C-alpha cells in the first residue's frame, strides 16, 4: 500500500459556513495538509475539480449530495463523509458512490486527521460505530450462501468499480456472454437482484474489498 504524499491536498465541502470554516481551519493548522478549496456544494466544483485533482474530499454529508457525488466521482479522488445519524446511512448507497471513509460528526480532530491520511494512502476508513451499525461483520448465517468460484469472485471484485459487462469481459479476456453468465450465477448464489446488493453482500462476507 503506497504511503500518502505530503502535503495531502484536500477539498472541503459543507453547506454550513461554520462547519466549512471549522474543518478548513483544523486542516490548515496541520503542515501535512493543504486545503485547495472550501465550498458549499459539490456542483460548484464540477467546472474545476479535474484541474484541482485533490487527494481527498472531505464532505459534510447531506442526503441530497448522493446524486451529485455519484456523478462527480469520475473527477473526484477519495471521499470521506461526515454524518449526523449513523443509522440513516445506506451502505449500498455508500458503495455506489465509491465513498472511502465514513465518520460521525462528533469525531475528534485526531480521528479526522487519521482518516484523511489513511484514505490518502488508499485505505477505506469506517468509524467503529459505523461498522457496528452497518453490520459489516460476517453474518452468522453466511453459510446459507453458496460458495462463489474464484472467477465469480474476480468478476464480483470488478463490479465494485462499476464496470460494464463488456469492460469486465475485455479485462478478463472472456466473452461478454460469459460475464453475463457469471453475474447471473453471483446473483443467484448471494440471493440478490442488483449489482450494488451483490457488492454489499460480498463485502459483508469478506469475499471482496472496496
N, C-alpha and C. Protein backbone atom coordinates (compact mmCIF):
# COMPACT_ATOMS: atom_id res chain seq x y z
N UNK A 1 0.84 -1.19 0.00
CA UNK A 1 0.00 0.00 0.00
C UNK A 1 0.88 1.25 0.00
N UNK A 2 0.70 2.13 -0.98
CA UNK A 2 1.53 3.31 -1.04
C UNK A 2 1.23 4.26 0.11
N UNK A 3 2.24 4.98 0.57
CA UNK A 3 2.03 5.95 1.64
C UNK A 3 1.58 7.27 1.04
N UNK A 4 0.94 8.08 1.88
CA UNK A 4 0.44 9.37 1.42
C UNK A 4 1.60 10.31 1.11
N UNK A 5 1.43 11.13 0.09
CA UNK A 5 2.43 12.13 -0.26
C UNK A 5 2.02 13.47 0.36
N UNK A 6 2.92 14.07 1.09
CA UNK A 6 2.61 15.33 1.78
C UNK A 6 3.08 16.54 0.96
N UNK A 7 2.39 17.68 1.03
CA UNK A 7 1.13 17.82 1.75
C UNK A 7 -0.04 17.14 1.02
N UNK A 8 -0.95 16.57 1.80
CA UNK A 8 -2.16 15.97 1.24
C UNK A 8 -3.10 17.10 0.85
N UNK A 9 -3.50 17.10 -0.41
CA UNK A 9 -4.34 18.18 -0.92
C UNK A 9 -5.82 17.83 -0.77
N UNK A 10 -6.55 18.74 -0.15
CA UNK A 10 -7.92 18.44 0.29
C UNK A 10 -8.90 19.51 -0.20
N UNK A 11 -10.10 19.06 -0.53
CA UNK A 11 -11.22 19.97 -0.77
C UNK A 11 -12.25 19.73 0.33
N UNK A 12 -12.73 20.80 0.93
CA UNK A 12 -13.74 20.71 1.99
C UNK A 12 -15.09 21.17 1.42
N UNK A 13 -16.12 20.34 1.63
CA UNK A 13 -17.46 20.68 1.16
C UNK A 13 -18.43 20.61 2.33
N UNK A 14 -19.11 21.72 2.62
CA UNK A 14 -20.09 21.76 3.70
C UNK A 14 -21.06 22.90 3.45
N UNK A 15 -22.33 22.62 3.56
CA UNK A 15 -23.35 23.66 3.36
C UNK A 15 -23.23 24.73 4.43
N UNK A 16 -23.02 24.31 5.68
CA UNK A 16 -22.90 25.25 6.79
C UNK A 16 -21.56 25.97 6.74
N UNK A 17 -21.58 27.30 6.69
CA UNK A 17 -20.32 28.04 6.66
C UNK A 17 -19.51 27.84 7.94
N UNK A 18 -20.18 27.61 9.06
CA UNK A 18 -19.49 27.39 10.34
C UNK A 18 -18.71 26.08 10.28
N UNK A 19 -19.36 25.01 9.82
CA UNK A 19 -18.69 23.71 9.70
C UNK A 19 -17.58 23.79 8.67
N UNK A 20 -17.87 24.47 7.57
CA UNK A 20 -16.87 24.59 6.48
C UNK A 20 -15.61 25.28 6.97
N UNK A 21 -15.78 26.39 7.66
CA UNK A 21 -14.63 27.13 8.16
C UNK A 21 -13.90 26.36 9.25
N UNK A 22 -14.67 25.65 10.09
CA UNK A 22 -14.06 24.88 11.17
C UNK A 22 -13.19 23.76 10.65
N UNK A 23 -13.71 23.02 9.68
CA UNK A 23 -12.94 21.92 9.10
C UNK A 23 -11.70 22.44 8.37
N UNK A 24 -11.89 23.51 7.62
CA UNK A 24 -10.77 24.08 6.87
C UNK A 24 -9.67 24.57 7.80
N UNK A 25 -10.07 25.26 8.86
CA UNK A 25 -9.09 25.80 9.82
C UNK A 25 -8.33 24.67 10.50
N UNK A 26 -9.05 23.61 10.87
CA UNK A 26 -8.41 22.47 11.54
C UNK A 26 -7.37 21.83 10.63
N UNK A 27 -7.71 21.66 9.36
CA UNK A 27 -6.79 21.02 8.41
C UNK A 27 -5.61 21.92 8.08
N UNK A 28 -5.87 23.21 7.92
CA UNK A 28 -4.79 24.14 7.55
C UNK A 28 -3.79 24.33 8.67
N UNK A 29 -4.19 24.02 9.89
CA UNK A 29 -3.26 24.13 11.02
C UNK A 29 -2.24 22.99 11.03
N UNK A 30 -2.50 21.97 10.21
CA UNK A 30 -1.60 20.82 10.16
C UNK A 30 -0.72 20.93 8.92
N UNK A 31 0.60 20.95 9.08
CA UNK A 31 1.50 21.11 7.93
C UNK A 31 1.44 19.97 6.92
N UNK A 32 0.80 18.86 7.30
CA UNK A 32 0.68 17.73 6.38
C UNK A 32 -0.41 17.96 5.33
N UNK A 33 -1.25 18.95 5.56
CA UNK A 33 -2.41 19.16 4.70
C UNK A 33 -2.38 20.51 3.99
N UNK A 34 -3.02 20.54 2.83
CA UNK A 34 -3.22 21.79 2.11
C UNK A 34 -4.65 21.81 1.60
N UNK A 35 -5.44 22.78 2.05
CA UNK A 35 -6.82 22.91 1.62
C UNK A 35 -6.85 23.69 0.30
N UNK A 36 -7.20 22.99 -0.76
CA UNK A 36 -7.23 23.61 -2.09
C UNK A 36 -8.42 24.54 -2.26
N UNK A 37 -9.54 24.10 -1.70
CA UNK A 37 -10.76 24.88 -1.87
C UNK A 37 -11.76 24.47 -0.80
N UNK A 38 -12.60 25.42 -0.42
CA UNK A 38 -13.65 25.17 0.55
C UNK A 38 -14.95 25.71 -0.03
N UNK A 39 -15.91 24.81 -0.29
CA UNK A 39 -17.13 25.22 -0.98
C UNK A 39 -18.37 24.69 -0.27
N UNK A 40 -19.54 25.23 -0.69
CA UNK A 40 -20.80 24.86 -0.04
C UNK A 40 -21.44 23.62 -0.63
N UNK A 41 -21.15 23.31 -1.90
CA UNK A 41 -21.78 22.14 -2.51
C UNK A 41 -20.89 21.56 -3.61
N UNK A 42 -21.17 20.31 -3.95
CA UNK A 42 -20.36 19.59 -4.94
C UNK A 42 -20.50 20.21 -6.32
N UNK A 43 -21.72 20.61 -6.66
CA UNK A 43 -21.98 21.10 -8.02
C UNK A 43 -21.09 22.29 -8.39
N UNK A 44 -20.72 23.09 -7.40
CA UNK A 44 -19.89 24.26 -7.69
C UNK A 44 -18.46 23.88 -8.08
N UNK A 45 -18.11 22.61 -7.90
CA UNK A 45 -16.75 22.16 -8.21
C UNK A 45 -16.61 21.55 -9.60
N UNK A 46 -17.73 21.24 -10.21
CA UNK A 46 -17.70 20.47 -11.45
C UNK A 46 -16.77 21.08 -12.49
N UNK A 47 -16.79 22.38 -12.61
CA UNK A 47 -16.02 23.04 -13.66
C UNK A 47 -14.51 22.98 -13.46
N UNK A 48 -14.06 22.91 -12.20
CA UNK A 48 -12.61 22.99 -11.99
C UNK A 48 -12.01 21.86 -11.16
N UNK A 49 -12.83 20.86 -10.77
CA UNK A 49 -12.28 19.81 -9.90
C UNK A 49 -11.26 18.95 -10.63
N UNK A 50 -11.45 18.77 -11.94
CA UNK A 50 -10.48 17.98 -12.71
C UNK A 50 -9.11 18.64 -12.70
N UNK A 51 -9.11 19.97 -12.67
CA UNK A 51 -7.84 20.70 -12.64
C UNK A 51 -7.23 20.69 -11.23
N UNK A 52 -8.07 20.75 -10.21
CA UNK A 52 -7.58 20.78 -8.84
C UNK A 52 -6.97 19.44 -8.43
N UNK A 53 -7.59 18.35 -8.83
CA UNK A 53 -7.11 16.99 -8.53
C UNK A 53 -6.73 16.82 -7.06
N UNK A 54 -7.70 16.90 -6.16
CA UNK A 54 -7.41 16.72 -4.73
C UNK A 54 -7.08 15.27 -4.41
N UNK A 55 -6.35 15.07 -3.32
CA UNK A 55 -6.09 13.72 -2.84
C UNK A 55 -7.28 13.18 -2.06
N UNK A 56 -7.94 14.09 -1.34
CA UNK A 56 -9.08 13.71 -0.50
C UNK A 56 -10.14 14.80 -0.58
N UNK A 57 -11.39 14.37 -0.60
CA UNK A 57 -12.52 15.30 -0.49
C UNK A 57 -13.21 15.02 0.84
N UNK A 58 -13.30 16.02 1.70
CA UNK A 58 -13.96 15.89 3.00
C UNK A 58 -15.33 16.54 2.89
N UNK A 59 -16.38 15.73 3.01
CA UNK A 59 -17.74 16.18 2.72
C UNK A 59 -18.64 16.07 3.94
N UNK A 60 -19.25 17.19 4.31
CA UNK A 60 -20.28 17.19 5.35
C UNK A 60 -21.55 16.66 4.68
N UNK A 61 -21.89 15.41 4.94
CA UNK A 61 -22.89 14.67 4.16
C UNK A 61 -24.31 15.21 4.31
N UNK A 62 -24.94 15.32 3.15
CA UNK A 62 -26.36 15.65 3.07
C UNK A 62 -26.95 14.64 2.11
N UNK A 63 -28.09 14.07 2.42
CA UNK A 63 -28.66 13.04 1.56
C UNK A 63 -28.85 13.52 0.13
N UNK A 64 -28.99 14.83 -0.05
CA UNK A 64 -29.16 15.38 -1.39
C UNK A 64 -27.85 15.34 -2.18
N UNK A 65 -26.74 15.08 -1.48
CA UNK A 65 -25.44 15.03 -2.15
C UNK A 65 -25.24 13.76 -2.95
N UNK A 66 -26.06 12.73 -2.69
CA UNK A 66 -25.79 11.43 -3.28
C UNK A 66 -25.71 11.48 -4.80
N UNK A 67 -26.72 12.05 -5.43
CA UNK A 67 -26.72 12.07 -6.89
C UNK A 67 -25.53 12.85 -7.43
N UNK A 68 -25.23 13.98 -6.81
CA UNK A 68 -24.12 14.80 -7.28
C UNK A 68 -22.78 14.10 -7.11
N UNK A 69 -22.60 13.45 -5.96
CA UNK A 69 -21.31 12.80 -5.73
C UNK A 69 -21.14 11.59 -6.64
N UNK A 70 -22.23 10.89 -6.93
CA UNK A 70 -22.16 9.74 -7.83
C UNK A 70 -21.73 10.19 -9.23
N UNK A 71 -22.24 11.33 -9.67
CA UNK A 71 -21.91 11.84 -10.99
C UNK A 71 -20.51 12.43 -11.03
N UNK A 72 -20.00 12.86 -9.88
CA UNK A 72 -18.72 13.55 -9.84
C UNK A 72 -17.54 12.64 -9.56
N UNK A 73 -17.78 11.38 -9.18
CA UNK A 73 -16.68 10.52 -8.76
C UNK A 73 -15.65 10.26 -9.85
N UNK A 74 -16.05 10.44 -11.10
CA UNK A 74 -15.07 10.28 -12.17
C UNK A 74 -14.00 11.37 -12.11
N UNK A 75 -14.31 12.47 -11.45
CA UNK A 75 -13.35 13.57 -11.31
C UNK A 75 -12.73 13.61 -9.91
N UNK A 76 -13.48 13.11 -8.93
CA UNK A 76 -13.08 13.27 -7.54
C UNK A 76 -12.20 12.13 -7.07
N UNK A 77 -11.32 12.45 -6.14
CA UNK A 77 -10.49 11.42 -5.54
C UNK A 77 -11.22 10.85 -4.34
N UNK A 78 -10.51 10.24 -3.43
CA UNK A 78 -11.11 9.58 -2.27
C UNK A 78 -11.96 10.56 -1.47
N UNK A 79 -13.17 10.14 -1.14
CA UNK A 79 -14.10 11.00 -0.42
C UNK A 79 -14.39 10.44 0.97
N UNK A 80 -14.33 11.33 1.97
CA UNK A 80 -14.71 10.99 3.34
C UNK A 80 -15.96 11.80 3.67
N UNK A 81 -16.97 11.13 4.22
CA UNK A 81 -18.18 11.87 4.59
C UNK A 81 -18.33 11.92 6.11
N UNK A 82 -18.87 13.02 6.59
CA UNK A 82 -19.20 13.20 8.00
C UNK A 82 -20.72 13.16 8.11
N UNK A 83 -21.24 12.30 8.98
CA UNK A 83 -22.69 12.10 9.04
C UNK A 83 -23.23 12.40 10.42
N UNK A 84 -24.50 12.85 10.46
CA UNK A 84 -25.19 13.13 11.71
C UNK A 84 -25.72 11.84 12.35
N UNK A 85 -26.53 11.12 11.57
CA UNK A 85 -27.17 9.92 12.07
C UNK A 85 -26.60 8.69 11.37
N UNK A 86 -25.87 7.90 12.11
CA UNK A 86 -25.26 6.69 11.55
C UNK A 86 -26.33 5.76 10.97
N UNK A 87 -27.46 5.67 11.69
CA UNK A 87 -28.50 4.73 11.28
C UNK A 87 -29.11 5.09 9.93
N UNK A 88 -28.97 6.35 9.51
CA UNK A 88 -29.57 6.79 8.26
C UNK A 88 -28.73 6.46 7.04
N UNK A 89 -27.50 6.00 7.25
CA UNK A 89 -26.61 5.72 6.12
C UNK A 89 -26.97 4.37 5.50
N UNK A 90 -27.21 4.40 4.21
CA UNK A 90 -27.49 3.18 3.45
C UNK A 90 -26.18 2.69 2.85
N UNK A 91 -25.73 1.52 3.28
CA UNK A 91 -24.42 1.04 2.84
C UNK A 91 -24.36 0.83 1.34
N UNK A 92 -25.47 0.39 0.74
CA UNK A 92 -25.49 0.20 -0.71
C UNK A 92 -25.28 1.53 -1.43
N UNK A 93 -25.87 2.59 -0.87
CA UNK A 93 -25.70 3.92 -1.46
C UNK A 93 -24.24 4.37 -1.36
N UNK A 94 -23.64 4.11 -0.21
CA UNK A 94 -22.24 4.47 0.01
C UNK A 94 -21.34 3.73 -0.99
N UNK A 95 -21.62 2.45 -1.20
CA UNK A 95 -20.83 1.66 -2.14
C UNK A 95 -20.95 2.22 -3.55
N UNK A 96 -22.19 2.52 -3.93
CA UNK A 96 -22.41 3.01 -5.29
C UNK A 96 -21.70 4.33 -5.53
N UNK A 97 -21.60 5.15 -4.50
CA UNK A 97 -20.94 6.45 -4.63
C UNK A 97 -19.42 6.34 -4.48
N UNK A 98 -18.92 5.15 -4.19
CA UNK A 98 -17.47 4.88 -4.06
C UNK A 98 -16.83 5.76 -2.98
N UNK A 99 -17.56 5.98 -1.92
CA UNK A 99 -17.05 6.74 -0.79
C UNK A 99 -16.05 5.88 -0.03
N UNK A 100 -14.92 6.49 0.39
CA UNK A 100 -13.83 5.74 1.00
C UNK A 100 -13.75 5.88 2.52
N UNK A 101 -14.55 6.77 3.09
CA UNK A 101 -14.49 6.93 4.54
C UNK A 101 -15.80 7.46 5.09
N UNK A 102 -16.20 6.98 6.26
CA UNK A 102 -17.41 7.49 6.93
C UNK A 102 -17.06 7.74 8.39
N UNK A 103 -17.34 8.96 8.84
CA UNK A 103 -17.10 9.34 10.24
C UNK A 103 -18.32 10.06 10.79
N UNK A 104 -18.63 9.89 12.08
CA UNK A 104 -19.71 10.67 12.67
C UNK A 104 -19.27 12.12 12.86
N UNK A 105 -20.24 13.02 12.93
CA UNK A 105 -19.92 14.44 13.08
C UNK A 105 -19.15 14.74 14.36
N UNK A 106 -19.36 13.91 15.37
CA UNK A 106 -18.69 14.20 16.65
C UNK A 106 -17.30 13.55 16.73
N UNK A 107 -16.75 13.18 15.59
CA UNK A 107 -15.39 12.63 15.58
C UNK A 107 -14.39 13.66 16.09
N UNK A 108 -13.36 13.21 16.76
CA UNK A 108 -12.36 14.12 17.27
C UNK A 108 -11.45 14.59 16.14
N UNK A 109 -10.70 15.64 16.42
CA UNK A 109 -9.75 16.17 15.42
C UNK A 109 -8.75 15.09 15.02
N UNK A 110 -8.26 14.34 16.01
CA UNK A 110 -7.27 13.30 15.71
C UNK A 110 -7.87 12.20 14.84
N UNK A 111 -9.15 11.88 15.04
CA UNK A 111 -9.81 10.85 14.22
C UNK A 111 -9.96 11.31 12.77
N UNK A 112 -10.32 12.57 12.59
CA UNK A 112 -10.48 13.10 11.24
C UNK A 112 -9.13 13.15 10.53
N UNK A 113 -8.11 13.61 11.24
CA UNK A 113 -6.77 13.69 10.65
C UNK A 113 -6.27 12.30 10.27
N UNK A 114 -6.46 11.33 11.16
CA UNK A 114 -6.03 9.96 10.87
C UNK A 114 -6.77 9.39 9.67
N UNK A 115 -8.06 9.70 9.57
CA UNK A 115 -8.87 9.20 8.45
C UNK A 115 -8.40 9.81 7.13
N UNK A 116 -8.10 11.10 7.13
CA UNK A 116 -7.64 11.77 5.91
C UNK A 116 -6.32 11.15 5.44
N UNK A 117 -5.40 10.94 6.37
CA UNK A 117 -4.11 10.34 6.00
C UNK A 117 -4.29 8.92 5.47
N UNK A 118 -5.17 8.15 6.11
CA UNK A 118 -5.38 6.77 5.70
C UNK A 118 -6.01 6.69 4.32
N UNK A 119 -7.03 7.50 4.08
CA UNK A 119 -7.72 7.48 2.79
C UNK A 119 -6.79 7.97 1.69
N UNK A 120 -5.96 8.97 2.00
CA UNK A 120 -4.99 9.46 1.02
C UNK A 120 -3.99 8.36 0.65
N UNK A 121 -3.80 7.40 1.55
CA UNK A 121 -2.88 6.29 1.29
C UNK A 121 -3.56 5.13 0.56
N UNK A 122 -4.86 5.29 0.30
CA UNK A 122 -5.58 4.26 -0.44
C UNK A 122 -6.40 3.32 0.41
N UNK A 123 -6.52 3.61 1.71
CA UNK A 123 -7.29 2.74 2.60
C UNK A 123 -8.75 3.18 2.64
N UNK A 124 -9.61 2.28 3.12
CA UNK A 124 -11.02 2.59 3.37
C UNK A 124 -11.18 2.72 4.88
N UNK A 125 -11.85 3.78 5.33
CA UNK A 125 -11.94 4.06 6.76
C UNK A 125 -13.39 4.20 7.21
N UNK A 126 -13.81 3.28 8.09
CA UNK A 126 -15.13 3.38 8.71
C UNK A 126 -14.94 3.45 10.21
N UNK A 127 -15.56 4.43 10.86
CA UNK A 127 -15.50 4.56 12.30
C UNK A 127 -16.10 3.29 12.93
N UNK A 128 -15.58 2.83 14.08
CA UNK A 128 -16.11 1.61 14.71
C UNK A 128 -17.62 1.64 14.90
N UNK A 129 -18.18 2.79 15.25
CA UNK A 129 -19.64 2.88 15.42
C UNK A 129 -20.35 2.65 14.09
N UNK A 130 -19.74 3.11 13.00
CA UNK A 130 -20.32 2.92 11.68
C UNK A 130 -20.32 1.43 11.34
N UNK A 131 -19.20 0.77 11.62
CA UNK A 131 -19.08 -0.65 11.31
C UNK A 131 -20.15 -1.44 12.03
N UNK A 132 -20.37 -1.12 13.31
CA UNK A 132 -21.38 -1.82 14.09
C UNK A 132 -22.77 -1.63 13.49
N UNK A 133 -23.09 -0.42 13.11
CA UNK A 133 -24.43 -0.13 12.61
C UNK A 133 -24.65 -0.63 11.19
N UNK A 134 -23.60 -0.68 10.39
CA UNK A 134 -23.74 -1.18 9.02
C UNK A 134 -23.65 -2.70 8.97
N UNK A 135 -23.33 -3.29 10.13
CA UNK A 135 -23.24 -4.75 10.23
C UNK A 135 -22.32 -5.32 9.14
N UNK A 136 -21.10 -4.73 9.10
CA UNK A 136 -20.14 -5.21 8.12
C UNK A 136 -19.51 -6.54 8.52
N UNK A 137 -19.68 -6.92 9.80
CA UNK A 137 -19.11 -8.17 10.21
C UNK A 137 -19.78 -9.32 9.48
N UNK A 138 -19.05 -10.38 9.31
CA UNK A 138 -19.58 -11.56 8.62
C UNK A 138 -20.79 -12.08 9.37
N UNK A 139 -21.94 -12.22 8.73
CA UNK A 139 -23.15 -12.65 9.41
C UNK A 139 -23.08 -14.12 9.83
N UNK A 140 -23.83 -14.44 10.90
CA UNK A 140 -23.80 -15.80 11.42
C UNK A 140 -24.36 -16.81 10.43
N UNK A 141 -25.29 -16.36 9.57
CA UNK A 141 -25.92 -17.28 8.63
C UNK A 141 -25.27 -17.24 7.26
N UNK A 142 -23.98 -16.84 7.22
CA UNK A 142 -23.32 -16.71 5.93
C UNK A 142 -23.20 -18.04 5.21
N UNK A 143 -23.27 -19.17 5.99
CA UNK A 143 -23.14 -20.46 5.34
C UNK A 143 -24.33 -20.75 4.42
N UNK A 144 -25.40 -19.96 4.52
CA UNK A 144 -26.56 -20.17 3.68
C UNK A 144 -26.28 -19.74 2.24
N UNK A 145 -25.26 -18.92 2.04
CA UNK A 145 -24.89 -18.51 0.69
C UNK A 145 -24.01 -19.57 0.05
N UNK A 146 -24.29 -19.87 -1.20
CA UNK A 146 -23.47 -20.82 -1.91
C UNK A 146 -22.08 -20.23 -2.15
N UNK A 147 -21.08 -21.09 -2.23
CA UNK A 147 -19.71 -20.66 -2.43
C UNK A 147 -19.50 -20.16 -3.86
N UNK A 148 -18.87 -18.99 -3.98
CA UNK A 148 -18.55 -18.46 -5.31
C UNK A 148 -17.25 -19.09 -5.80
N UNK A 149 -17.15 -19.27 -7.09
CA UNK A 149 -15.90 -19.75 -7.67
C UNK A 149 -14.88 -18.61 -7.68
N UNK A 150 -13.63 -18.94 -7.91
CA UNK A 150 -12.59 -17.91 -7.97
C UNK A 150 -12.88 -16.90 -9.08
N UNK A 151 -13.38 -17.39 -10.22
CA UNK A 151 -13.71 -16.49 -11.33
C UNK A 151 -14.87 -15.58 -10.96
N UNK A 152 -15.86 -16.11 -10.25
CA UNK A 152 -17.00 -15.29 -9.85
C UNK A 152 -16.57 -14.22 -8.86
N UNK A 153 -15.66 -14.56 -7.96
CA UNK A 153 -15.15 -13.56 -7.02
C UNK A 153 -14.38 -12.48 -7.77
N UNK A 154 -13.65 -12.88 -8.79
CA UNK A 154 -12.90 -11.93 -9.61
C UNK A 154 -13.86 -10.97 -10.32
N UNK A 155 -14.94 -11.50 -10.85
CA UNK A 155 -15.95 -10.67 -11.52
C UNK A 155 -16.62 -9.75 -10.51
N UNK A 156 -16.96 -10.29 -9.34
CA UNK A 156 -17.61 -9.51 -8.30
C UNK A 156 -16.73 -8.35 -7.86
N UNK A 157 -15.42 -8.59 -7.73
CA UNK A 157 -14.49 -7.51 -7.37
C UNK A 157 -14.51 -6.40 -8.40
N UNK A 158 -14.61 -6.78 -9.68
CA UNK A 158 -14.65 -5.77 -10.74
C UNK A 158 -15.94 -4.96 -10.71
N UNK A 159 -17.01 -5.55 -10.20
CA UNK A 159 -18.28 -4.83 -10.11
C UNK A 159 -18.19 -3.66 -9.14
N UNK A 160 -17.24 -3.71 -8.20
CA UNK A 160 -17.09 -2.60 -7.25
C UNK A 160 -16.66 -1.32 -7.96
N UNK A 161 -16.05 -1.45 -9.13
CA UNK A 161 -15.61 -0.28 -9.89
C UNK A 161 -16.67 0.21 -10.88
N UNK A 162 -17.82 -0.46 -10.88
CA UNK A 162 -18.90 -0.04 -11.76
C UNK A 162 -18.66 -0.38 -13.22
N UNK A 163 -17.82 -1.36 -13.49
CA UNK A 163 -17.51 -1.73 -14.87
C UNK A 163 -18.71 -2.41 -15.53
N UNK A 164 -18.90 -2.18 -16.80
CA UNK A 164 -19.95 -2.84 -17.57
C UNK A 164 -19.53 -4.28 -17.86
N UNK A 165 -20.49 -5.09 -18.30
CA UNK A 165 -20.16 -6.47 -18.67
C UNK A 165 -19.10 -6.49 -19.77
N UNK A 166 -19.22 -5.57 -20.71
CA UNK A 166 -18.26 -5.51 -21.82
C UNK A 166 -16.86 -5.19 -21.31
N UNK A 167 -16.76 -4.23 -20.37
CA UNK A 167 -15.45 -3.85 -19.82
C UNK A 167 -14.84 -4.99 -19.02
N UNK A 168 -15.67 -5.69 -18.26
CA UNK A 168 -15.18 -6.84 -17.49
C UNK A 168 -14.67 -7.92 -18.44
N UNK A 169 -15.43 -8.17 -19.51
CA UNK A 169 -15.04 -9.18 -20.49
C UNK A 169 -13.69 -8.85 -21.10
N UNK A 170 -13.47 -7.57 -21.42
CA UNK A 170 -12.21 -7.15 -22.03
C UNK A 170 -11.04 -7.34 -21.07
N UNK A 171 -11.26 -7.04 -19.79
CA UNK A 171 -10.17 -7.17 -18.82
C UNK A 171 -9.83 -8.62 -18.51
N UNK A 172 -10.84 -9.49 -18.57
CA UNK A 172 -10.61 -10.90 -18.24
C UNK A 172 -10.38 -11.76 -19.48
N UNK A 173 -10.47 -11.13 -20.65
CA UNK A 173 -10.26 -11.84 -21.91
C UNK A 173 -11.25 -13.00 -22.08
N UNK A 174 -12.50 -12.72 -21.74
CA UNK A 174 -13.57 -13.70 -21.93
C UNK A 174 -14.71 -13.00 -22.67
N UNK A 175 -15.69 -13.75 -23.11
CA UNK A 175 -16.80 -13.16 -23.86
C UNK A 175 -17.77 -12.44 -22.94
N UNK A 176 -18.48 -11.49 -23.50
CA UNK A 176 -19.48 -10.75 -22.72
C UNK A 176 -20.57 -11.70 -22.25
N UNK A 177 -20.89 -12.69 -23.08
CA UNK A 177 -21.90 -13.69 -22.70
C UNK A 177 -21.46 -14.44 -21.45
N UNK A 178 -20.18 -14.78 -21.37
CA UNK A 178 -19.66 -15.49 -20.20
C UNK A 178 -19.74 -14.62 -18.96
N UNK A 179 -19.47 -13.32 -19.11
CA UNK A 179 -19.58 -12.41 -17.97
C UNK A 179 -21.02 -12.37 -17.47
N UNK A 180 -21.98 -12.28 -18.40
CA UNK A 180 -23.40 -12.27 -18.02
C UNK A 180 -23.76 -13.54 -17.25
N UNK A 181 -23.19 -14.66 -17.69
CA UNK A 181 -23.44 -15.93 -17.00
C UNK A 181 -22.90 -15.87 -15.57
N UNK A 182 -21.67 -15.35 -15.42
CA UNK A 182 -21.07 -15.25 -14.08
C UNK A 182 -21.88 -14.32 -13.18
N UNK A 183 -22.29 -13.18 -13.71
CA UNK A 183 -23.07 -12.21 -12.92
C UNK A 183 -24.38 -12.84 -12.47
N UNK A 184 -25.04 -13.55 -13.38
CA UNK A 184 -26.30 -14.22 -13.04
C UNK A 184 -26.08 -15.26 -11.95
N UNK A 185 -24.99 -16.00 -12.05
CA UNK A 185 -24.67 -17.01 -11.04
C UNK A 185 -24.38 -16.36 -9.69
N UNK A 186 -23.67 -15.22 -9.71
CA UNK A 186 -23.36 -14.49 -8.47
C UNK A 186 -24.65 -14.03 -7.80
N UNK A 187 -25.57 -13.47 -8.60
CA UNK A 187 -26.85 -13.00 -8.05
C UNK A 187 -27.59 -14.15 -7.37
N UNK A 188 -27.62 -15.30 -8.04
CA UNK A 188 -28.34 -16.45 -7.51
C UNK A 188 -27.71 -16.96 -6.23
N UNK A 189 -26.39 -17.08 -6.21
CA UNK A 189 -25.71 -17.62 -5.04
C UNK A 189 -25.78 -16.69 -3.83
N UNK A 190 -25.77 -15.38 -4.08
CA UNK A 190 -25.80 -14.41 -2.98
C UNK A 190 -27.21 -13.95 -2.64
N UNK A 191 -28.19 -14.46 -3.37
CA UNK A 191 -29.60 -14.11 -3.13
C UNK A 191 -29.85 -12.61 -3.26
N UNK A 192 -29.34 -12.03 -4.34
CA UNK A 192 -29.50 -10.60 -4.60
C UNK A 192 -30.06 -10.40 -6.00
N UNK A 193 -30.47 -9.16 -6.29
CA UNK A 193 -31.04 -8.88 -7.61
C UNK A 193 -30.37 -7.72 -8.33
N UNK A 194 -29.43 -7.04 -7.66
CA UNK A 194 -28.73 -5.93 -8.29
C UNK A 194 -27.23 -6.03 -8.02
N UNK A 195 -26.45 -5.32 -8.82
CA UNK A 195 -25.00 -5.32 -8.64
C UNK A 195 -24.60 -4.70 -7.31
N UNK A 196 -25.28 -3.63 -6.94
CA UNK A 196 -24.96 -2.96 -5.68
C UNK A 196 -25.18 -3.89 -4.50
N UNK A 197 -26.29 -4.65 -4.53
CA UNK A 197 -26.55 -5.60 -3.46
C UNK A 197 -25.50 -6.70 -3.45
N UNK A 198 -25.09 -7.14 -4.64
CA UNK A 198 -24.07 -8.19 -4.73
C UNK A 198 -22.76 -7.73 -4.10
N UNK A 199 -22.36 -6.49 -4.40
CA UNK A 199 -21.13 -5.95 -3.84
C UNK A 199 -21.24 -5.82 -2.32
N UNK A 200 -22.39 -5.32 -1.84
CA UNK A 200 -22.59 -5.14 -0.40
C UNK A 200 -22.49 -6.48 0.33
N UNK A 201 -23.13 -7.52 -0.22
CA UNK A 201 -23.08 -8.84 0.40
C UNK A 201 -21.66 -9.40 0.32
N UNK A 202 -21.01 -9.19 -0.83
CA UNK A 202 -19.64 -9.67 -0.99
C UNK A 202 -18.70 -9.07 0.03
N UNK A 203 -18.88 -7.78 0.34
CA UNK A 203 -18.05 -7.12 1.35
C UNK A 203 -18.35 -7.69 2.73
N UNK A 204 -19.64 -7.85 3.05
CA UNK A 204 -20.02 -8.37 4.36
C UNK A 204 -19.48 -9.79 4.58
N UNK A 205 -19.44 -10.57 3.51
CA UNK A 205 -18.97 -11.95 3.64
C UNK A 205 -17.45 -12.04 3.59
N UNK A 206 -16.79 -10.92 3.33
CA UNK A 206 -15.34 -10.93 3.26
C UNK A 206 -14.80 -11.50 1.96
N UNK A 207 -15.65 -11.58 0.93
CA UNK A 207 -15.22 -12.12 -0.36
C UNK A 207 -14.39 -11.13 -1.16
N UNK A 208 -14.73 -9.83 -1.00
CA UNK A 208 -14.06 -8.78 -1.76
C UNK A 208 -13.77 -7.60 -0.86
N UNK A 209 -12.95 -6.69 -1.36
CA UNK A 209 -12.63 -5.46 -0.63
C UNK A 209 -12.94 -4.27 -1.52
N UNK A 210 -13.26 -3.15 -0.86
CA UNK A 210 -13.52 -1.92 -1.61
C UNK A 210 -12.22 -1.30 -2.07
